PDB file of N, CA and C in Angstrom:
ATOM      1  N   MET A   1       0.830  -1.184   0.000  1.00  0.00           N
ATOM      2  CA  MET A   1       0.000   0.000   0.000  1.00  0.00           C
ATOM      3  C   MET A   1       0.873   1.245   0.000  1.00  0.00           C
ATOM      4  N   ASN A   2       0.348   2.273  -0.618  1.00  0.00           N
ATOM      5  CA  ASN A   2       1.077   3.523  -0.744  1.00  0.00           C
ATOM      6  C   ASN A   2       0.158   4.661  -0.322  1.00  0.00           C
ATOM      7  N   ASP A   3      -0.082   4.801   0.983  1.00  0.00           N
ATOM      8  CA  ASP A   3      -0.984   5.828   1.470  1.00  0.00           C
ATOM      9  C   ASP A   3      -0.290   7.186   1.467  1.00  0.00           C
ATOM     10  N   GLU A   4      -1.060   8.232   1.214  1.00  0.00           N
ATOM     11  CA  GLU A   4      -0.544   9.597   1.160  1.00  0.00           C
ATOM     12  C   GLU A   4      -1.340  10.468   2.122  1.00  0.00           C
ATOM     13  N   HIS A   5      -0.754  11.596   2.551  1.00  0.00           N
ATOM     14  CA  HIS A   5      -1.381  12.480   3.529  1.00  0.00           C
ATOM     15  C   HIS A   5      -1.139  13.935   3.130  1.00  0.00           C
ATOM     16  N   ALA A   6      -2.165  14.763   3.287  1.00  0.00           N
ATOM     17  CA  ALA A   6      -2.029  16.209   3.048  1.00  0.00           C
ATOM     18  C   ALA A   6      -2.747  16.953   4.166  1.00  0.00           C
ATOM     19  N   THR A   7      -2.154  18.049   4.606  1.00  0.00           N
ATOM     20  CA  THR A   7      -2.755  18.899   5.626  1.00  0.00           C
ATOM     21  C   THR A   7      -2.917  20.296   5.052  1.00  0.00           C
ATOM     22  N   LEU A   8      -4.152  20.819   5.071  1.00  0.00           N
ATOM     23  CA  LEU A   8      -4.370  22.181   4.582  1.00  0.00           C
ATOM     24  C   LEU A   8      -3.836  23.178   5.598  1.00  0.00           C
ATOM     25  N   LEU A   9      -3.167  24.206   5.097  1.00  0.00           N
ATOM     26  CA  LEU A   9      -2.641  25.270   5.948  1.00  0.00           C
ATOM     27  C   LEU A   9      -3.336  26.595   5.676  1.00  0.00           C
ATOM     28  N   ALA A  10      -4.297  26.572   4.730  1.00  0.00           N
ATOM     29  CA  ALA A  10      -5.078  27.764   4.371  1.00  0.00           C
ATOM     30  C   ALA A  10      -6.283  27.303   3.553  1.00  0.00           C
ATOM     31  N   ASP A  11      -7.255  28.186   3.351  1.00  0.00           N
ATOM     32  CA  ASP A  11      -8.369  27.894   2.458  1.00  0.00           C
ATOM     33  C   ASP A  11      -7.827  27.740   1.044  1.00  0.00           C
ATOM     34  N   VAL A  12      -8.456  26.853   0.261  1.00  0.00           N
ATOM     35  CA  VAL A  12      -8.022  26.585  -1.108  1.00  0.00           C
ATOM     36  C   VAL A  12      -9.187  26.844  -2.047  1.00  0.00           C
ATOM     37  N   THR A  13      -8.930  27.596  -3.130  1.00  0.00           N
ATOM     38  CA  THR A  13      -9.920  27.795  -4.181  1.00  0.00           C
ATOM     39  C   THR A  13      -9.371  27.165  -5.452  1.00  0.00           C
ATOM     40  N   LEU A  14     -10.043  26.116  -5.919  1.00  0.00           N
ATOM     41  CA  LEU A  14      -9.614  25.424  -7.135  1.00  0.00           C
ATOM     42  C   LEU A  14     -10.184  26.136  -8.349  1.00  0.00           C
ATOM     43  N   LYS A  15      -9.373  26.287  -9.394  1.00  0.00           N
ATOM     44  CA  LYS A  15      -9.867  26.862 -10.645  1.00  0.00           C
ATOM     45  C   LYS A  15     -10.397  25.776 -11.569  1.00  0.00           C
ATOM     46  N   ASN A  16      -9.968  24.550 -11.368  1.00  0.00           N
ATOM     47  CA  ASN A  16     -10.373  23.400 -12.181  1.00  0.00           C
ATOM     48  C   ASN A  16     -10.492  22.182 -11.286  1.00  0.00           C
ATOM     49  N   ASN A  17     -10.794  21.062 -11.921  1.00  0.00           N
ATOM     50  CA  ASN A  17     -10.810  19.795 -11.220  1.00  0.00           C
ATOM     51  C   ASN A  17      -9.367  19.378 -10.931  1.00  0.00           C
ATOM     52  N   LEU A  18      -9.104  18.898  -9.732  1.00  0.00           N
ATOM     53  CA  LEU A  18      -7.768  18.487  -9.316  1.00  0.00           C
ATOM     54  C   LEU A  18      -7.693  16.966  -9.281  1.00  0.00           C
ATOM     55  N   PRO A  19      -6.848  16.354 -10.145  1.00  0.00           N
ATOM     56  CA  PRO A  19      -6.710  14.898 -10.076  1.00  0.00           C
ATOM     57  C   PRO A  19      -5.847  14.492  -8.891  1.00  0.00           C
ATOM     58  N   CYS A  20      -6.288  13.492  -8.168  1.00  0.00           N
ATOM     59  CA  CYS A  20      -5.547  12.984  -7.012  1.00  0.00           C
ATOM     60  C   CYS A  20      -5.041  11.599  -7.381  1.00  0.00           C
ATOM     61  N   SER A  21      -3.848  11.545  -7.933  1.00  0.00           N
ATOM     62  CA  SER A  21      -3.332  10.257  -8.390  1.00  0.00           C
ATOM     63  C   SER A  21      -1.862  10.075  -8.063  1.00  0.00           C
ATOM     64  N   ALA A  22      -1.346  10.811  -7.142  1.00  0.00           N
ATOM     65  CA  ALA A  22       0.079  10.829  -6.812  1.00  0.00           C
ATOM     66  C   ALA A  22       0.617   9.445  -6.445  1.00  0.00           C
ATOM     67  N   GLY A  23       0.733   8.570  -7.424  1.00  0.00           N
ATOM     68  CA  GLY A  23       1.290   7.252  -7.183  1.00  0.00           C
ATOM     69  C   GLY A  23       0.377   6.315  -6.419  1.00  0.00           C
ATOM     70  N   LEU A  24      -0.917   6.661  -6.347  1.00  0.00           N
ATOM     71  CA  LEU A  24      -1.858   5.818  -5.609  1.00  0.00           C
ATOM     72  C   LEU A  24      -2.413   4.723  -6.512  1.00  0.00           C
ATOM     73  N   ASN A  25      -2.592   3.552  -5.951  1.00  0.00           N
ATOM     74  CA  ASN A  25      -3.148   2.408  -6.667  1.00  0.00           C
ATOM     75  C   ASN A  25      -4.414   1.939  -5.959  1.00  0.00           C
ATOM     76  N   SER A  26      -5.161   1.073  -6.616  1.00  0.00           N
ATOM     77  CA  SER A  26      -6.371   0.526  -6.016  1.00  0.00           C
ATOM     78  C   SER A  26      -6.039  -0.062  -4.652  1.00  0.00           C
ATOM     79  N   GLY A  27      -6.848   0.263  -3.656  1.00  0.00           N
ATOM     80  CA  GLY A  27      -6.636  -0.198  -2.296  1.00  0.00           C
ATOM     81  C   GLY A  27      -5.892   0.787  -1.423  1.00  0.00           C
ATOM     82  N   ASP A  28      -5.311   1.832  -2.035  1.00  0.00           N
ATOM     83  CA  ASP A  28      -4.586   2.845  -1.272  1.00  0.00           C
ATOM     84  C   ASP A  28      -5.557   3.871  -0.683  1.00  0.00           C
ATOM     85  N   THR A  29      -5.075   4.621   0.300  1.00  0.00           N
ATOM     86  CA  THR A  29      -5.884   5.645   0.962  1.00  0.00           C
ATOM     87  C   THR A  29      -5.157   6.969   0.936  1.00  0.00           C
ATOM     88  N   PHE A  30      -5.899   8.041   0.645  1.00  0.00           N
ATOM     89  CA  PHE A  30      -5.380   9.396   0.663  1.00  0.00           C
ATOM     90  C   PHE A  30      -6.052  10.123   1.825  1.00  0.00           C
ATOM     91  N   TYR A  31      -5.270  10.654   2.735  1.00  0.00           N
ATOM     92  CA  TYR A  31      -5.787  11.348   3.914  1.00  0.00           C
ATOM     93  C   TYR A  31      -5.656  12.854   3.715  1.00  0.00           C
ATOM     94  N   ILE A  32      -6.756  13.587   3.937  1.00  0.00           N
ATOM     95  CA  ILE A  32      -6.709  15.049   3.879  1.00  0.00           C
ATOM     96  C   ILE A  32      -7.193  15.597   5.208  1.00  0.00           C
ATOM     97  N   GLU A  33      -6.335  16.358   5.862  1.00  0.00           N
ATOM     98  CA  GLU A  33      -6.692  17.003   7.120  1.00  0.00           C
ATOM     99  C   GLU A  33      -7.061  18.456   6.810  1.00  0.00           C
ATOM    100  N   PHE A  34      -8.361  18.770   6.923  1.00  0.00           N
ATOM    101  CA  PHE A  34      -8.851  20.109   6.613  1.00  0.00           C
ATOM    102  C   PHE A  34      -8.690  21.074   7.777  1.00  0.00           C
ATOM    103  N   GLY A  35      -8.830  20.587   8.993  1.00  0.00           N
ATOM    104  CA  GLY A  35      -8.825  21.492  10.133  1.00  0.00           C
ATOM    105  C   GLY A  35      -9.969  22.481   9.976  1.00  0.00           C
ATOM    106  N   SER A  36      -9.693  23.757  10.118  1.00  0.00           N
ATOM    107  CA  SER A  36     -10.722  24.789   9.974  1.00  0.00           C
ATOM    108  C   SER A  36     -10.787  25.349   8.556  1.00  0.00           C
ATOM    109  N   TYR A  37     -10.026  24.775   7.626  1.00  0.00           N
ATOM    110  CA  TYR A  37      -9.938  25.305   6.268  1.00  0.00           C
ATOM    111  C   TYR A  37     -10.924  24.625   5.314  1.00  0.00           C
ATOM    112  N   THR A  38     -11.128  25.228   4.150  1.00  0.00           N
ATOM    113  CA  THR A  38     -12.075  24.715   3.163  1.00  0.00           C
ATOM    114  C   THR A  38     -11.431  24.628   1.787  1.00  0.00           C
ATOM    115  N   VAL A  39     -12.053  23.833   0.917  1.00  0.00           N
ATOM    116  CA  VAL A  39     -11.701  23.769  -0.497  1.00  0.00           C
ATOM    117  C   VAL A  39     -12.964  24.114  -1.262  1.00  0.00           C
ATOM    118  N   THR A  40     -12.895  25.114  -2.137  1.00  0.00           N
ATOM    119  CA  THR A  40     -14.038  25.546  -2.936  1.00  0.00           C
ATOM    120  C   THR A  40     -13.617  25.704  -4.394  1.00  0.00           C
ATOM    121  N   GLY A  41     -14.599  25.861  -5.277  1.00  0.00           N
ATOM    122  CA  GLY A  41     -14.347  26.221  -6.663  1.00  0.00           C
ATOM    123  C   GLY A  41     -14.068  25.071  -7.608  1.00  0.00           C
ATOM    124  N   GLY A  42     -14.021  23.862  -7.142  1.00  0.00           N
ATOM    125  CA  GLY A  42     -13.730  22.733  -8.021  1.00  0.00           C
ATOM    126  C   GLY A  42     -13.941  21.426  -7.288  1.00  0.00           C
ATOM    127  N   THR A  43     -13.463  20.362  -7.889  1.00  0.00           N
ATOM    128  CA  THR A  43     -13.585  19.037  -7.298  1.00  0.00           C
ATOM    129  C   THR A  43     -12.227  18.343  -7.323  1.00  0.00           C
ATOM    130  N   ILE A  44     -12.134  17.251  -6.582  1.00  0.00           N
ATOM    131  CA  ILE A  44     -10.931  16.427  -6.563  1.00  0.00           C
ATOM    132  C   ILE A  44     -11.320  15.052  -7.093  1.00  0.00           C
ATOM    133  N   THR A  45     -10.646  14.603  -8.148  1.00  0.00           N
ATOM    134  CA  THR A  45     -10.933  13.304  -8.738  1.00  0.00           C
ATOM    135  C   THR A  45     -10.082  12.237  -8.076  1.00  0.00           C
ATOM    136  N   ILE A  46     -10.733  11.181  -7.601  1.00  0.00           N
ATOM    137  CA  ILE A  46      -9.995  10.033  -7.083  1.00  0.00           C
ATOM    138  C   ILE A  46     -10.283   8.832  -7.975  1.00  0.00           C
ATOM    139  N   ASN A  47      -9.259   8.051  -8.243  1.00  0.00           N
ATOM    140  CA  ASN A  47      -9.372   6.899  -9.130  1.00  0.00           C
ATOM    141  C   ASN A  47     -10.121   5.759  -8.462  1.00  0.00           C
ATOM    142  N   SER A  48     -10.654   4.873  -9.272  1.00  0.00           N
ATOM    143  CA  SER A  48     -11.385   3.710  -8.774  1.00  0.00           C
ATOM    144  C   SER A  48     -10.515   2.906  -7.824  1.00  0.00           C
ATOM    145  N   GLY A  49     -11.117   2.487  -6.712  1.00  0.00           N
ATOM    146  CA  GLY A  49     -10.426   1.659  -5.744  1.00  0.00           C
ATOM    147  C   GLY A  49      -9.662   2.426  -4.685  1.00  0.00           C
ATOM    148  N   ILE A  50      -9.595   3.742  -4.809  1.00  0.00           N
ATOM    149  CA  ILE A  50      -8.880   4.570  -3.839  1.00  0.00           C
ATOM    150  C   ILE A  50      -9.886   5.180  -2.871  1.00  0.00           C
ATOM    151  N   SER A  51      -9.533   5.220  -1.607  1.00  0.00           N
ATOM    152  CA  SER A  51     -10.363   5.855  -0.588  1.00  0.00           C
ATOM    153  C   SER A  51      -9.699   7.147  -0.135  1.00  0.00           C
ATOM    154  N   CYS A  52     -10.524   8.091   0.284  1.00  0.00           N
ATOM    155  CA  CYS A  52     -10.017   9.340   0.831  1.00  0.00           C
ATOM    156  C   CYS A  52     -10.654   9.540   2.198  1.00  0.00           C
ATOM    157  N   VAL A  53      -9.828   9.738   3.207  1.00  0.00           N
ATOM    158  CA  VAL A  53     -10.303   9.955   4.569  1.00  0.00           C
ATOM    159  C   VAL A  53     -10.063  11.417   4.924  1.00  0.00           C
ATOM    160  N   THR A  54     -11.102  12.070   5.465  1.00  0.00           N
ATOM    161  CA  THR A  54     -11.015  13.486   5.824  1.00  0.00           C
ATOM    162  C   THR A  54     -11.451  13.686   7.270  1.00  0.00           C
ATOM    163  N   ASP A  55     -11.155  14.858   7.785  1.00  0.00           N
ATOM    164  CA  ASP A  55     -11.567  15.180   9.155  1.00  0.00           C
ATOM    165  C   ASP A  55     -12.805  16.068   9.188  1.00  0.00           C
ATOM    166  N   LYS A  56     -13.508  16.172   8.049  1.00  0.00           N
ATOM    167  CA  LYS A  56     -14.795  16.878   8.011  1.00  0.00           C
ATOM    168  C   LYS A  56     -15.612  16.348   6.854  1.00  0.00           C
ATOM    169  N   ASN A  57     -16.923  16.543   6.927  1.00  0.00           N
ATOM    170  CA  ASN A  57     -17.834  16.121   5.876  1.00  0.00           C
ATOM    171  C   ASN A  57     -17.667  17.054   4.682  1.00  0.00           C
ATOM    172  N   VAL A  58     -17.219  16.504   3.562  1.00  0.00           N
ATOM    173  CA  VAL A  58     -17.014  17.309   2.350  1.00  0.00           C
ATOM    174  C   VAL A  58     -17.740  16.670   1.163  1.00  0.00           C
ATOM    175  N   ASP A  59     -18.992  16.236   1.410  1.00  0.00           N
ATOM    176  CA  ASP A  59     -19.793  15.648   0.334  1.00  0.00           C
ATOM    177  C   ASP A  59     -19.797  16.571  -0.878  1.00  0.00           C
ATOM    178  N   GLY A  60     -19.592  15.986  -2.065  1.00  0.00           N
ATOM    179  CA  GLY A  60     -19.584  16.756  -3.307  1.00  0.00           C
ATOM    180  C   GLY A  60     -18.206  17.209  -3.741  1.00  0.00           C
ATOM    181  N   LEU A  61     -17.218  17.146  -2.871  1.00  0.00           N
ATOM    182  CA  LEU A  61     -15.859  17.577  -3.238  1.00  0.00           C
ATOM    183  C   LEU A  61     -15.166  16.544  -4.114  1.00  0.00           C
ATOM    184  N   PHE A  62     -15.431  15.250  -3.877  1.00  0.00           N
ATOM    185  CA  PHE A  62     -14.747  14.189  -4.609  1.00  0.00           C
ATOM    186  C   PHE A  62     -15.608  13.669  -5.747  1.00  0.00           C
ATOM    187  N   VAL A  63     -14.967  13.419  -6.878  1.00  0.00           N
ATOM    188  CA  VAL A  63     -15.612  12.815  -8.040  1.00  0.00           C
ATOM    189  C   VAL A  63     -14.698  11.701  -8.535  1.00  0.00           C
ATOM    190  N   THR A  64     -15.217  10.896  -9.452  1.00  0.00           N
ATOM    191  CA  THR A  64     -14.426   9.829 -10.045  1.00  0.00           C
ATOM    192  C   THR A  64     -14.816   9.699 -11.506  1.00  0.00           C
ATOM    193  N   SER A  65     -14.126   8.844 -12.226  1.00  0.00           N
ATOM    194  CA  SER A  65     -14.396   8.697 -13.653  1.00  0.00           C
ATOM    195  C   SER A  65     -14.675   7.236 -13.974  1.00  0.00           C
ATOM    196  N   GLY A  66     -14.955   6.967 -15.222  1.00  0.00           N
ATOM    197  CA  GLY A  66     -15.156   5.599 -15.670  1.00  0.00           C
ATOM    198  C   GLY A  66     -16.449   4.970 -15.208  1.00  0.00           C
ATOM    199  N   GLY A  67     -17.450   5.781 -14.892  1.00  0.00           N
ATOM    200  CA  GLY A  67     -18.735   5.248 -14.487  1.00  0.00           C
ATOM    201  C   GLY A  67     -18.816   4.849 -13.028  1.00  0.00           C
ATOM    202  N   ALA A  68     -17.734   5.019 -12.287  1.00  0.00           N
ATOM    203  CA  ALA A  68     -17.749   4.695 -10.859  1.00  0.00           C
ATOM    204  C   ALA A  68     -18.499   5.786 -10.101  1.00  0.00           C
ATOM    205  N   THR A  69     -18.914   5.475  -8.895  1.00  0.00           N
ATOM    206  CA  THR A  69     -19.582   6.448  -8.036  1.00  0.00           C
ATOM    207  C   THR A  69     -18.777   6.606  -6.748  1.00  0.00           C
ATOM    208  N   ILE A  70     -19.100   7.641  -6.000  1.00  0.00           N
ATOM    209  CA  ILE A  70     -18.447   7.907  -4.721  1.00  0.00           C
ATOM    210  C   ILE A  70     -19.456   7.696  -3.604  1.00  0.00           C
ATOM    211  N   SER A  71     -19.063   6.955  -2.583  1.00  0.00           N
ATOM    212  CA  SER A  71     -19.909   6.862  -1.399  1.00  0.00           C
ATOM    213  C   SER A  71     -19.127   7.413  -0.221  1.00  0.00           C
ATOM    214  N   GLY A  72     -19.829   8.167   0.615  1.00  0.00           N
ATOM    215  CA  GLY A  72     -19.205   8.748   1.797  1.00  0.00           C
ATOM    216  C   GLY A  72     -19.852   8.223   3.054  1.00  0.00           C
ATOM    217  N   ILE A  73     -19.026   7.904   4.053  1.00  0.00           N
ATOM    218  CA  ILE A  73     -19.575   7.441   5.315  1.00  0.00           C
ATOM    219  C   ILE A  73     -18.961   8.223   6.466  1.00  0.00           C
ATOM    220  N   ASP A  74     -19.765   8.440   7.487  1.00  0.00           N
ATOM    221  CA  ASP A  74     -19.305   9.050   8.732  1.00  0.00           C
ATOM    222  C   ASP A  74     -18.743   7.918   9.581  1.00  0.00           C
ATOM    223  N   ASN A  75     -17.467   7.974   9.891  1.00  0.00           N
ATOM    224  CA  ASN A  75     -16.822   6.908  10.660  1.00  0.00           C
ATOM    225  C   ASN A  75     -17.176   6.947  12.138  1.00  0.00           C
ATOM    226  N   GLY A  76     -17.882   8.003  12.575  1.00  0.00           N
ATOM    227  CA  GLY A  76     -18.305   8.103  13.958  1.00  0.00           C
ATOM    228  C   GLY A  76     -17.219   8.540  14.925  1.00  0.00           C
ATOM    229  N   ASN A  77     -16.072   8.906  14.397  1.00  0.00           N
ATOM    230  CA  ASN A  77     -14.958   9.329  15.251  1.00  0.00           C
ATOM    231  C   ASN A  77     -14.376  10.671  14.813  1.00  0.00           C
ATOM    232  N   GLY A  78     -15.209  11.452  14.093  1.00  0.00           N
ATOM    233  CA  GLY A  78     -14.737  12.748  13.601  1.00  0.00           C
ATOM    234  C   GLY A  78     -14.070  12.670  12.245  1.00  0.00           C
ATOM    235  N   THR A  79     -14.076  11.484  11.618  1.00  0.00           N
ATOM    236  CA  THR A  79     -13.519  11.353  10.273  1.00  0.00           C
ATOM    237  C   THR A  79     -14.590  10.812   9.330  1.00  0.00           C
ATOM    238  N   TYR A  80     -14.363  11.035   8.041  1.00  0.00           N
ATOM    239  CA  TYR A  80     -15.281  10.598   6.987  1.00  0.00           C
ATOM    240  C   TYR A  80     -14.459   9.888   5.923  1.00  0.00           C
ATOM    241  N   THR A  81     -14.988   8.807   5.372  1.00  0.00           N
ATOM    242  CA  THR A  81     -14.296   8.069   4.322  1.00  0.00           C
ATOM    243  C   THR A  81     -15.109   8.140   3.040  1.00  0.00           C
ATOM    244  N   TYR A  82     -14.453   8.545   1.960  1.00  0.00           N
ATOM    245  CA  TYR A  82     -15.055   8.611   0.623  1.00  0.00           C
ATOM    246  C   TYR A  82     -14.377   7.557  -0.229  1.00  0.00           C
ATOM    247  N   THR A  83     -15.177   6.645  -0.784  1.00  0.00           N
ATOM    248  CA  THR A  83     -14.633   5.514  -1.515  1.00  0.00           C
ATOM    249  C   THR A  83     -15.288   5.441  -2.886  1.00  0.00           C
ATOM    250  N   THR A  84     -14.494   5.061  -3.899  1.00  0.00           N
ATOM    251  CA  THR A  84     -15.052   4.875  -5.238  1.00  0.00           C
ATOM    252  C   THR A  84     -15.648   3.485  -5.338  1.00  0.00           C
ATOM    253  N   ASN A  85     -16.740   3.398  -6.050  1.00  0.00           N
ATOM    254  CA  ASN A  85     -17.444   2.131  -6.256  1.00  0.00           C
ATOM    255  C   ASN A  85     -17.544   1.891  -7.751  1.00  0.00           C
ATOM    256  N   LEU A  86     -17.019   0.761  -8.207  1.00  0.00           N
ATOM    257  CA  LEU A  86     -17.078   0.446  -9.633  1.00  0.00           C
ATOM    258  C   LEU A  86     -18.509   0.142 -10.051  1.00  0.00           C
ATOM    259  N   PRO A  87     -18.884   0.508 -11.287  1.00  0.00           N
ATOM    260  CA  PRO A  87     -20.243   0.208 -11.755  1.00  0.00           C
ATOM    261  C   PRO A  87     -20.445  -1.294 -11.851  1.00  0.00           C
ATOM    262  N   GLN A  88     -21.691  -1.722 -11.660  1.00  0.00           N
ATOM    263  CA  GLN A  88     -21.981  -3.156 -11.719  1.00  0.00           C
ATOM    264  C   GLN A  88     -22.688  -3.520 -12.984  1.00  0.00           C
TER     265      GLN A  88
END
C-alpha cells in the first residue's frame, strides 16, 4: 500500500478539477486534514479503488471517472471516508 497524507494550511480555491493520483493504486488511501480550512471552486478526482479519509464532511468535493460512483460514510470518530465504487 502507498498511502498519502495532506494537511491544509489555508483555504483553497480550485480553478479546475484536481486529479488525485500521486502514485496511488487501487486499495490505497489518501488522507486530507482540513482542520478549519475549506476547499471551494472545483472538485478532486480520485481513481477507482482509492479511498479518501477526511476530518470533516465534504460531500460533493470528490468525483471519479469511468462510471464509478463515490460513497461517503461518517466513521463516527470525527472522520469521513469517501470511496469509489465500480459500476456493476
